[in-house]
Amino acid sequence: MSIKMLTMGAMALAVMTGSALAGSSTTSALDDPAKMSPFFTDAGMKTLRSEADFKTAWMSMKPDEQKAVLKDCGDTTLNKSHADFCAMAKKMGG
């Protein structure tokens, strides 16, 4: 009986943990290397390209991608880690 209860308890904990992790995982356009790498000069994505090159990369994005980036830049938590990029994106996107 106690083994059955322990097993059921472990399963319940695993389900609750999985649900919590699934609910808290937010994906941001700002964290997508495929979308963001054209805006940076280095692989670590620390150094922004020149304003002209940034504009070229920005204009090559689809309008819905631009909106997603600007929306994410409006989030204060995401903006903290991408402040320079967001400042430039806001300049490009209005």
PDB file of N, CA and C in Angstrom:
ATOM      1  N   MET A   1       0.818  -1.196   0.000  1.00  0.00           N
ATOM      2  CA  MET A   1       0.000   0.000   0.000  1.00  0.00           C
ATOM      3  C   MET A   1       0.862   1.259   0.000  1.00  0.00           C
ATOM      4  N   SER A   2       1.924   1.291   0.798  1.00  0.00           N
ATOM      5  CA  SER A   2       2.749   2.494   0.871  1.00  0.00           C
ATOM      6  C   SER A   2       3.525   2.714  -0.428  1.00  0.00           C
ATOM      7  N   ILE A   3       3.919   1.652  -1.114  1.00  0.00           N
ATOM      8  CA  ILE A   3       4.621   1.794  -2.388  1.00  0.00           C
ATOM      9  C   ILE A   3       3.672   2.401  -3.421  1.00  0.00           C
ATOM     10  N   LYS A   4       2.436   1.963  -3.409  1.00  0.00           N
ATOM     11  CA  LYS A   4       1.446   2.499  -4.333  1.00  0.00           C
ATOM     12  C   LYS A   4       1.233   3.990  -4.066  1.00  0.00           C
ATOM     13  N   MET A   5       1.152   4.383  -2.810  1.00  0.00           N
ATOM     14  CA  MET A   5       0.952   5.796  -2.458  1.00  0.00           C
ATOM     15  C   MET A   5       2.164   6.636  -2.856  1.00  0.00           C
ATOM     16  N   LEU A   6       3.360   6.103  -2.630  1.00  0.00           N
ATOM     17  CA  LEU A   6       4.574   6.826  -3.020  1.00  0.00           C
ATOM     18  C   LEU A   6       4.638   7.013  -4.531  1.00  0.00           C
ATOM     19  N   THR A   7       4.296   5.975  -5.260  1.00  0.00           N
ATOM     20  CA  THR A   7       4.307   6.044  -6.719  1.00  0.00           C
ATOM     21  C   THR A   7       3.298   7.071  -7.218  1.00  0.00           C
ATOM     22  N   MET A   8       2.108   7.048  -6.662  1.00  0.00           N
ATOM     23  CA  MET A   8       1.077   7.998  -7.080  1.00  0.00           C
ATOM     24  C   MET A   8       1.485   9.433  -6.714  1.00  0.00           C
ATOM     25  N   GLY A   9       2.097   9.599  -5.557  1.00  0.00           N
ATOM     26  CA  GLY A   9       2.569  10.922  -5.151  1.00  0.00           C
ATOM     27  C   GLY A   9       3.649  11.439  -6.084  1.00  0.00           C
ATOM     28  N   ALA A  10       4.576  10.571  -6.460  1.00  0.00           N
ATOM     29  CA  ALA A  10       5.652  10.952  -7.381  1.00  0.00           C
ATOM     30  C   ALA A  10       5.096  11.315  -8.747  1.00  0.00           C
ATOM     31  N   MET A  11       4.108  10.556  -9.207  1.00  0.00           N
ATOM     32  CA  MET A  11       3.500  10.855 -10.501  1.00  0.00           C
ATOM     33  C   MET A  11       2.771  12.196 -10.459  1.00  0.00           C
ATOM     34  N   ALA A  12       2.053  12.450  -9.378  1.00  0.00           N
ATOM     35  CA  ALA A  12       1.331  13.715  -9.247  1.00  0.00           C
ATOM     36  C   ALA A  12       2.311  14.889  -9.236  1.00  0.00           C
ATOM     37  N   LEU A  13       3.404  14.739  -8.521  1.00  0.00           N
ATOM     38  CA  LEU A  13       4.422  15.787  -8.470  1.00  0.00           C
ATOM     39  C   LEU A  13       5.026  16.028  -9.853  1.00  0.00           C
ATOM     40  N   ALA A  14       5.291  14.965 -10.578  1.00  0.00           N
ATOM     41  CA  ALA A  14       5.858  15.097 -11.921  1.00  0.00           C
ATOM     42  C   ALA A  14       4.895  15.822 -12.855  1.00  0.00           C
ATOM     43  N   VAL A  15       3.625  15.517 -12.762  1.00  0.00           N
ATOM     44  CA  VAL A  15       2.616  16.171 -13.609  1.00  0.00           C
ATOM     45  C   VAL A  15       2.514  17.650 -13.255  1.00  0.00           C
ATOM     46  N   MET A  16       2.485  17.963 -11.967  1.00  0.00           N
ATOM     47  CA  MET A  16       2.377  19.361 -11.546  1.00  0.00           C
ATOM     48  C   MET A  16       3.615  20.153 -11.958  1.00  0.00           C
ATOM     49  N   THR A  17       4.774  19.573 -11.824  1.00  0.00           N
ATOM     50  CA  THR A  17       6.010  20.249 -12.212  1.00  0.00           C
ATOM     51  C   THR A  17       6.036  20.498 -13.716  1.00  0.00           C
ATOM     52  N   GLY A  18       5.650  19.501 -14.489  1.00  0.00           N
ATOM     53  CA  GLY A  18       5.603  19.663 -15.945  1.00  0.00           C
ATOM     54  C   GLY A  18       4.639  20.739 -16.367  1.00  0.00           C
ATOM     55  N   SER A  19       3.501  20.815 -15.731  1.00  0.00           N
ATOM     56  CA  SER A  19       2.516  21.843 -16.058  1.00  0.00           C
ATOM     57  C   SER A  19       3.039  23.223 -15.702  1.00  0.00           C
ATOM     58  N   ALA A  20       3.687  23.343 -14.581  1.00  0.00           N
ATOM     59  CA  ALA A  20       4.226  24.636 -14.168  1.00  0.00           C
ATOM     60  C   ALA A  20       5.307  25.110 -15.130  1.00  0.00           C
ATOM     61  N   LEU A  21       6.164  24.201 -15.541  1.00  0.00           N
ATOM     62  CA  LEU A  21       7.215  24.563 -16.474  1.00  0.00           C
ATOM     63  C   LEU A  21       6.639  24.950 -17.829  1.00  0.00           C
ATOM     64  N   ALA A  22       5.638  24.253 -18.285  1.00  0.00           N
ATOM     65  CA  ALA A  22       5.025  24.559 -19.581  1.00  0.00           C
ATOM     66  C   ALA A  22       4.342  25.912 -19.533  1.00  0.00           C
ATOM     67  N   GLY A  23       3.745  26.239 -18.426  1.00  0.00           N
ATOM     68  CA  GLY A  23       3.044  27.508 -18.309  1.00  0.00           C
ATOM     69  C   GLY A  23       3.973  28.693 -18.181  1.00  0.00           C
ATOM     70  N   SER A  24       5.172  28.490 -17.640  1.00  0.00           N
ATOM     71  CA  SER A  24       6.073  29.606 -17.402  1.00  0.00           C
ATOM     72  C   SER A  24       7.063  29.831 -18.537  1.00  0.00           C
ATOM     73  N   SER A  25       7.077  28.944 -19.508  1.00  0.00           N
ATOM     74  CA  SER A  25       8.037  29.117 -20.588  1.00  0.00           C
ATOM     75  C   SER A  25       7.460  30.044 -21.652  1.00  0.00           C
ATOM     76  N   THR A  26       7.962  31.266 -21.655  1.00  0.00           N
ATOM     77  CA  THR A  26       7.512  32.221 -22.651  1.00  0.00           C
ATOM     78  C   THR A  26       8.611  32.343 -23.691  1.00  0.00           C
ATOM     79  N   THR A  27       8.217  32.353 -24.911  1.00  0.00           N
ATOM     80  CA  THR A  27       9.193  32.523 -25.968  1.00  0.00           C
ATOM     81  C   THR A  27       9.102  33.952 -26.460  1.00  0.00           C
ATOM     82  N   SER A  28      10.229  34.517 -26.686  1.00  0.00           N
ATOM     83  CA  SER A  28      10.299  35.895 -27.122  1.00  0.00           C
ATOM     84  C   SER A  28      11.030  35.962 -28.450  1.00  0.00           C
ATOM     85  N   ALA A  29      10.561  36.831 -29.301  1.00  0.00           N
ATOM     86  CA  ALA A  29      11.259  37.060 -30.562  1.00  0.00           C
ATOM     87  C   ALA A  29      12.671  37.571 -30.284  1.00  0.00           C
ATOM     88  N   LEU A  30      12.844  38.247 -29.157  1.00  0.00           N
ATOM     89  CA  LEU A  30      14.149  38.797 -28.805  1.00  0.00           C
ATOM     90  C   LEU A  30      15.156  37.729 -28.418  1.00  0.00           C
ATOM     91  N   ASP A  31      14.692  36.540 -28.113  1.00  0.00           N
ATOM     92  CA  ASP A  31      15.578  35.447 -27.722  1.00  0.00           C
ATOM     93  C   ASP A  31      15.771  34.419 -28.827  1.00  0.00           C
ATOM     94  N   ASP A  32      15.299  34.725 -30.026  1.00  0.00           N
ATOM     95  CA  ASP A  32      15.418  33.811 -31.157  1.00  0.00           C
ATOM     96  C   ASP A  32      16.670  34.164 -31.968  1.00  0.00           C
ATOM     97  N   PRO A  33      17.737  33.369 -31.837  1.00  0.00           N
ATOM     98  CA  PRO A  33      18.983  33.697 -32.541  1.00  0.00           C
ATOM     99  C   PRO A  33      18.823  33.821 -34.059  1.00  0.00           C
ATOM    100  N   ALA A  34      17.941  33.043 -34.641  1.00  0.00           N
ATOM    101  CA  ALA A  34      17.754  33.107 -36.095  1.00  0.00           C
ATOM    102  C   ALA A  34      17.220  34.473 -36.521  1.00  0.00           C
ATOM    103  N   LYS A  35      16.332  35.043 -35.712  1.00  0.00           N
ATOM    104  CA  LYS A  35      15.775  36.360 -36.041  1.00  0.00           C
ATOM    105  C   LYS A  35      16.696  37.496 -35.633  1.00  0.00           C
ATOM    106  N   MET A  36      17.452  37.298 -34.572  1.00  0.00           N
ATOM    107  CA  MET A  36      18.229  38.384 -34.003  1.00  0.00           C
ATOM    108  C   MET A  36      19.638  38.527 -34.562  1.00  0.00           C
ATOM    109  N   SER A  37      20.228  37.451 -35.044  1.00  0.00           N
ATOM    110  CA  SER A  37      21.627  37.508 -35.480  1.00  0.00           C
ATOM    111  C   SER A  37      21.899  38.534 -36.584  1.00  0.00           C
ATOM    112  N   PRO A  38      20.971  38.826 -37.518  1.00  0.00           N
ATOM    113  CA  PRO A  38      21.275  39.839 -38.533  1.00  0.00           C
ATOM    114  C   PRO A  38      21.494  41.243 -37.967  1.00  0.00           C
ATOM    115  N   PHE A  39      21.096  41.470 -36.720  1.00  0.00           N
ATOM    116  CA  PHE A  39      21.201  42.789 -36.119  1.00  0.00           C
ATOM    117  C   PHE A  39      22.509  42.992 -35.350  1.00  0.00           C
ATOM    118  N   PHE A  40      23.298  41.933 -35.229  1.00  0.00           N
ATOM    119  CA  PHE A  40      24.515  41.987 -34.421  1.00  0.00           C
ATOM    120  C   PHE A  40      25.738  41.621 -35.239  1.00  0.00           C
ATOM    121  N   THR A  41      26.882  42.149 -34.826  1.00  0.00           N
ATOM    122  CA  THR A  41      28.130  41.885 -35.545  1.00  0.00           C
ATOM    123  C   THR A  41      28.829  40.630 -35.051  1.00  0.00           C
ATOM    124  N   ASP A  42      28.460  40.150 -33.857  1.00  0.00           N
ATOM    125  CA  ASP A  42      29.161  39.019 -33.257  1.00  0.00           C
ATOM    126  C   ASP A  42      28.209  37.876 -32.956  1.00  0.00           C
ATOM    127  N   ALA A  43      28.776  36.680 -32.830  1.00  0.00           N
ATOM    128  CA  ALA A  43      27.966  35.485 -32.578  1.00  0.00           C
ATOM    129  C   ALA A  43      27.297  35.528 -31.211  1.00  0.00           C
ATOM    130  N   GLY A  44      27.905  36.222 -30.252  1.00  0.00           N
ATOM    131  CA  GLY A  44      27.330  36.330 -28.920  1.00  0.00           C
ATOM    132  C   GLY A  44      26.205  37.350 -28.836  1.00  0.00           C
ATOM    133  N   MET A  45      25.946  38.027 -29.939  1.00  0.00           N
ATOM    134  CA  MET A  45      24.886  39.032 -30.062  1.00  0.00           C
ATOM    135  C   MET A  45      24.988  40.096 -28.967  1.00  0.00           C
ATOM    136  N   LYS A  46      26.176  40.691 -28.875  1.00  0.00           N
ATOM    137  CA  LYS A  46      26.415  41.757 -27.906  1.00  0.00           C
ATOM    138  C   LYS A  46      26.609  43.116 -28.583  1.00  0.00           C
ATOM    139  N   THR A  47      27.123  43.125 -29.815  1.00  0.00           N
ATOM    140  CA  THR A  47      27.443  44.371 -30.498  1.00  0.00           C
ATOM    141  C   THR A  47      26.482  44.590 -31.664  1.00  0.00           C
ATOM    142  N   LEU A  48      25.699  45.671 -31.576  1.00  0.00           N
ATOM    143  CA  LEU A  48      24.740  45.977 -32.645  1.00  0.00           C
ATOM    144  C   LEU A  48      25.465  46.445 -33.903  1.00  0.00           C
ATOM    145  N   ARG A  49      24.860  46.185 -35.022  1.00  0.00           N
ATOM    146  CA  ARG A  49      25.380  46.682 -36.292  1.00  0.00           C
ATOM    147  C   ARG A  49      25.139  48.192 -36.368  1.00  0.00           C
ATOM    148  N   SER A  50      25.676  48.812 -37.397  1.00  0.00           N
ATOM    149  CA  SER A  50      25.462  50.248 -37.600  1.00  0.00           C
ATOM    150  C   SER A  50      23.978  50.499 -37.842  1.00  0.00           C
ATOM    151  N   GLU A  51      23.569  51.730 -37.702  1.00  0.00           N
ATOM    152  CA  GLU A  51      22.158  52.066 -37.893  1.00  0.00           C
ATOM    153  C   GLU A  51      21.679  51.704 -39.294  1.00  0.00           C
ATOM    154  N   ALA A  52      22.520  51.937 -40.303  1.00  0.00           N
ATOM    155  CA  ALA A  52      22.145  51.600 -41.685  1.00  0.00           C
ATOM    156  C   ALA A  52      21.968  50.088 -41.857  1.00  0.00           C
ATOM    157  N   ASP A  53      22.894  49.304 -41.297  1.00  0.00           N
ATOM    158  CA  ASP A  53      22.791  47.846 -41.399  1.00  0.00           C
ATOM    159  C   ASP A  53      21.612  47.322 -40.580  1.00  0.00           C
ATOM    160  N   PHE A  54      21.379  47.941 -39.432  1.00  0.00           N
ATOM    161  CA  PHE A  54      20.239  47.569 -38.602  1.00  0.00           C
ATOM    162  C   PHE A  54      18.946  47.799 -39.376  1.00  0.00           C
ATOM    163  N   LYS A  55      18.865  48.957 -40.056  1.00  0.00           N
ATOM    164  CA  LYS A  55      17.659  49.282 -40.831  1.00  0.00           C
ATOM    165  C   LYS A  55      17.451  48.267 -41.955  1.00  0.00           C
ATOM    166  N   THR A  56      18.524  47.862 -42.616  1.00  0.00           N
ATOM    167  CA  THR A  56      18.418  46.856 -43.679  1.00  0.00           C
ATOM    168  C   THR A  56      17.869  45.545 -43.124  1.00  0.00           C
ATOM    169  N   ALA A  57      18.399  45.125 -41.983  1.00  0.00           N
ATOM    170  CA  ALA A  57      17.918  43.883 -41.353  1.00  0.00           C
ATOM    171  C   ALA A  57      16.466  44.035 -40.907  1.00  0.00           C
ATOM    172  N   TRP A  58      16.128  45.204 -40.374  1.00  0.00           N
ATOM    173  CA  TRP A  58      14.755  45.464 -39.903  1.00  0.00           C
ATOM    174  C   TRP A  58      13.766  45.406 -41.067  1.00  0.00           C
ATOM    175  N   MET A  59      14.116  46.026 -42.183  1.00  0.00           N
ATOM    176  CA  MET A  59      13.225  46.065 -43.342  1.00  0.00           C
ATOM    177  C   MET A  59      13.078  44.690 -43.995  1.00  0.00           C
ATOM    178  N   SER A  60      14.022  43.787 -43.751  1.00  0.00           N
ATOM    179  CA  SER A  60      13.913  42.446 -44.329  1.00  0.00           C
ATOM    180  C   SER A  60      12.970  41.549 -43.519  1.00  0.00           C
ATOM    181  N   MET A  61      12.587  42.004 -42.332  1.00  0.00           N
ATOM    182  CA  MET A  61      11.648  41.235 -41.505  1.00  0.00           C
ATOM    183  C   MET A  61      10.223  41.448 -42.001  1.00  0.00           C
ATOM    184  N   LYS A  62       9.390  40.445 -41.806  1.00  0.00           N
ATOM    185  CA  LYS A  62       7.978  40.558 -42.133  1.00  0.00           C
ATOM    186  C   LYS A  62       7.317  41.505 -41.131  1.00  0.00           C
ATOM    187  N   PRO A  63       6.272  42.216 -41.551  1.00  0.00           N
ATOM    188  CA  PRO A  63       5.598  43.151 -40.643  1.00  0.00           C
ATOM    189  C   PRO A  63       5.122  42.510 -39.335  1.00  0.00           C
ATOM    190  N   ASP A  64       4.640  41.258 -39.393  1.00  0.00           N
ATOM    191  CA  ASP A  64       4.183  40.619 -38.160  1.00  0.00           C
ATOM    192  C   ASP A  64       5.364  40.293 -37.231  1.00  0.00           C
ATOM    193  N   GLU A  65       6.537  40.019 -37.811  1.00  0.00           N
ATOM    194  CA  GLU A  65       7.730  39.792 -36.996  1.00  0.00           C
ATOM    195  C   GLU A  65       8.176  41.095 -36.335  1.00  0.00           C
ATOM    196  N   GLN A  66       8.096  42.191 -37.087  1.00  0.00           N
ATOM    197  CA  GLN A  66       8.440  43.494 -36.529  1.00  0.00           C
ATOM    198  C   GLN A  66       7.510  43.834 -35.358  1.00  0.00           C
ATOM    199  N   LYS A  67       6.216  43.569 -35.533  1.00  0.00           N
ATOM    200  CA  LYS A  67       5.252  43.835 -34.462  1.00  0.00           C
ATOM    201  C   LYS A  67       5.558  43.001 -33.223  1.00  0.00           C
ATOM    202  N   ALA A  68       5.923  41.737 -33.434  1.00  0.00           N
ATOM    203  CA  ALA A  68       6.251  40.855 -32.309  1.00  0.00           C
ATOM    204  C   ALA A  68       7.473  41.379 -31.556  1.00  0.00           C
ATOM    205  N   VAL A  69       8.469  41.834 -32.291  1.00  0.00           N
ATOM    206  CA  VAL A  69       9.675  42.378 -31.664  1.00  0.00           C
ATOM    207  C   VAL A  69       9.328  43.632 -30.864  1.00  0.00           C
ATOM    208  N   LEU A  70       8.568  44.528 -31.468  1.00  0.00           N
ATOM    209  CA  LEU A  70       8.194  45.762 -30.773  1.00  0.00           C
ATOM    210  C   LEU A  70       7.334  45.477 -29.547  1.00  0.00           C
ATOM    211  N   LYS A  71       6.476  44.474 -29.653  1.00  0.00           N
ATOM    212  CA  LYS A  71       5.651  44.090 -28.499  1.00  0.00           C
ATOM    213  C   LYS A  71       6.542  43.584 -27.372  1.00  0.00           C
ATOM    214  N   ASP A  72       7.505  42.725 -27.713  1.00  0.00           N
ATOM    215  CA  ASP A  72       8.420  42.197 -26.710  1.00  0.00           C
ATOM    216  C   ASP A  72       9.285  43.310 -26.115  1.00  0.00           C
ATOM    217  N   CYS A  73       9.654  44.287 -26.925  1.00  0.00           N
ATOM    218  CA  CYS A  73      10.440  45.415 -26.417  1.00  0.00           C
ATOM    219  C   CYS A  73       9.620  46.263 -25.447  1.00  0.00           C
ATOM    220  N   GLY A  74       8.300  46.207 -25.562  1.00  0.00           N
ATOM    221  CA  GLY A  74       7.425  46.929 -24.650  1.00  0.00           C
ATOM    222  C   GLY A  74       7.322  46.269 -23.285  1.00  0.00           C
ATOM    223  N   ASP A  75       7.748  45.030 -23.184  1.00  0.00           N
ATOM    224  CA  ASP A  75       7.741  44.299 -21.912  1.00  0.00           C
ATOM    225  C   ASP A  75       8.977  44.720 -21.114  1.00  0.00           C
ATOM    226  N   THR A  76       8.774  45.288 -19.933  1.00  0.00           N
ATOM    227  CA  THR A  76       9.897  45.830 -19.168  1.00  0.00           C
ATOM    228  C   THR A  76      10.924  44.771 -18.784  1.00  0.00           C
ATOM    229  N   THR A  77      10.487  43.557 -18.519  1.00  0.00           N
ATOM    230  CA  THR A  77      11.428  42.492 -18.151  1.00  0.00           C
ATOM    231  C   THR A  77      12.316  42.128 -19.332  1.00  0.00           C
ATOM    232  N   LEU A  78      11.717  41.941 -20.502  1.00  0.00           N
ATOM    233  CA  LEU A  78      12.495  41.582 -21.691  1.00  0.00           C
ATOM    234  C   LEU A  78      13.370  42.746 -22.138  1.00  0.00           C
ATOM    235  N   ASN A  79      12.852  43.956 -22.016  1.00  0.00           N
ATOM    236  CA  ASN A  79      13.579  45.132 -22.468  1.00  0.00           C
ATOM    237  C   ASN A  79      14.877  45.324 -21.689  1.00  0.00           C
ATOM    238  N   LYS A  80      14.903  44.938 -20.418  1.00  0.00           N
ATOM    239  CA  LYS A  80      16.118  45.116 -19.612  1.00  0.00           C
ATOM    240  C   LYS A  80      17.312  44.415 -20.231  1.00  0.00           C
ATOM    241  N   SER A  81      17.114  43.219 -20.716  1.00  0.00           N
ATOM    242  CA  SER A  81      18.247  42.466 -21.264  1.00  0.00           C
ATOM    243  C   SER A  81      18.511  42.780 -22.740  1.00  0.00           C
ATOM    244  N   HIS A  82      17.632  43.557 -23.355  1.00  0.00           N
ATOM    245  CA  HIS A  82      17.791  43.899 -24.779  1.00  0.00           C
ATOM    246  C   HIS A  82      17.603  45.403 -25.002  1.00  0.00           C
ATOM    247  N   ALA A  83      18.018  46.217 -24.047  1.00  0.00           N
ATOM    248  CA  ALA A  83      17.726  47.650 -24.070  1.00  0.00           C
ATOM    249  C   ALA A  83      18.259  48.353 -25.316  1.00  0.00           C
ATOM    250  N   ASP A  84      19.514  48.100 -25.685  1.00  0.00           N
ATOM    251  CA  ASP A  84      20.093  48.776 -26.853  1.00  0.00           C
ATOM    252  C   ASP A  84      19.372  48.371 -28.134  1.00  0.00           C
ATOM    253  N   PHE A  85      19.118  47.065 -28.255  1.00  0.00           N
ATOM    254  CA  PHE A  85      18.402  46.592 -29.440  1.00  0.00           C
ATOM    255  C   PHE A  85      17.016  47.214 -29.502  1.00  0.00           C
ATOM    256  N   CYS A  86      16.299  47.217 -28.385  1.00  0.00           N
ATOM    257  CA  CYS A  86      14.928  47.739 -28.360  1.00  0.00           C
ATOM    258  C   CYS A  86      14.890  49.232 -28.673  1.00  0.00           C
ATOM    259  N   ALA A  87      15.870  49.971 -28.206  1.00  0.00           N
ATOM    260  CA  ALA A  87      15.927  51.406 -28.526  1.00  0.00           C
ATOM    261  C   ALA A  87      16.042  51.605 -30.030  1.00  0.00           C
ATOM    262  N   MET A  88      16.885  50.804 -30.656  1.00  0.00           N
ATOM    263  CA  MET A  88      17.073  50.923 -32.102  1.00  0.00           C
ATOM    264  C   MET A  88      15.833  50.431 -32.849  1.00  0.00           C
ATOM    265  N   ALA A  89      15.231  49.347 -32.374  1.00  0.00           N
ATOM    266  CA  ALA A  89      14.037  48.815 -33.034  1.00  0.00           C
ATOM    267  C   ALA A  89      12.882  49.817 -32.954  1.00  0.00           C
ATOM    268  N   LYS A  90      12.723  50.445 -31.812  1.00  0.00           N
ATOM    269  CA  LYS A  90      11.670  51.457 -31.662  1.00  0.00           C
ATOM    270  C   LYS A  90      11.914  52.627 -32.592  1.00  0.00           C
ATOM    271  N   LYS A  91      13.169  52.970 -32.791  1.00  0.00           N
ATOM    272  CA  LYS A  91      13.506  54.040 -33.713  1.00  0.00           C
ATOM    273  C   LYS A  91      13.116  53.678 -35.149  1.00  0.00           C
ATOM    274  N   MET A  92      13.303  52.396 -35.506  1.00  0.00           N
ATOM    275  CA  MET A  92      12.964  51.917 -36.849  1.00  0.00           C
ATOM    276  C   MET A  92      11.464  51.721 -37.029  1.00  0.00           C
ATOM    277  N   GLY A  93      10.836  51.211 -35.975  1.00  0.00           N
ATOM    278  CA  GLY A  93       9.438  50.825 -36.081  1.00  0.00           C
ATOM    279  C   GLY A  93       8.441  51.897 -35.695  1.00  0.00           C
ATOM    280  N   GLY A  94       8.938  53.007 -35.281  1.00  0.00           N
ATOM    281  CA  GLY A  94       8.013  54.097 -34.969  1.00  0.00           C
ATOM    282  C   GLY A  94       7.819  54.273 -33.575  1.00  0.00           C
TER     283      GLY A  94
END
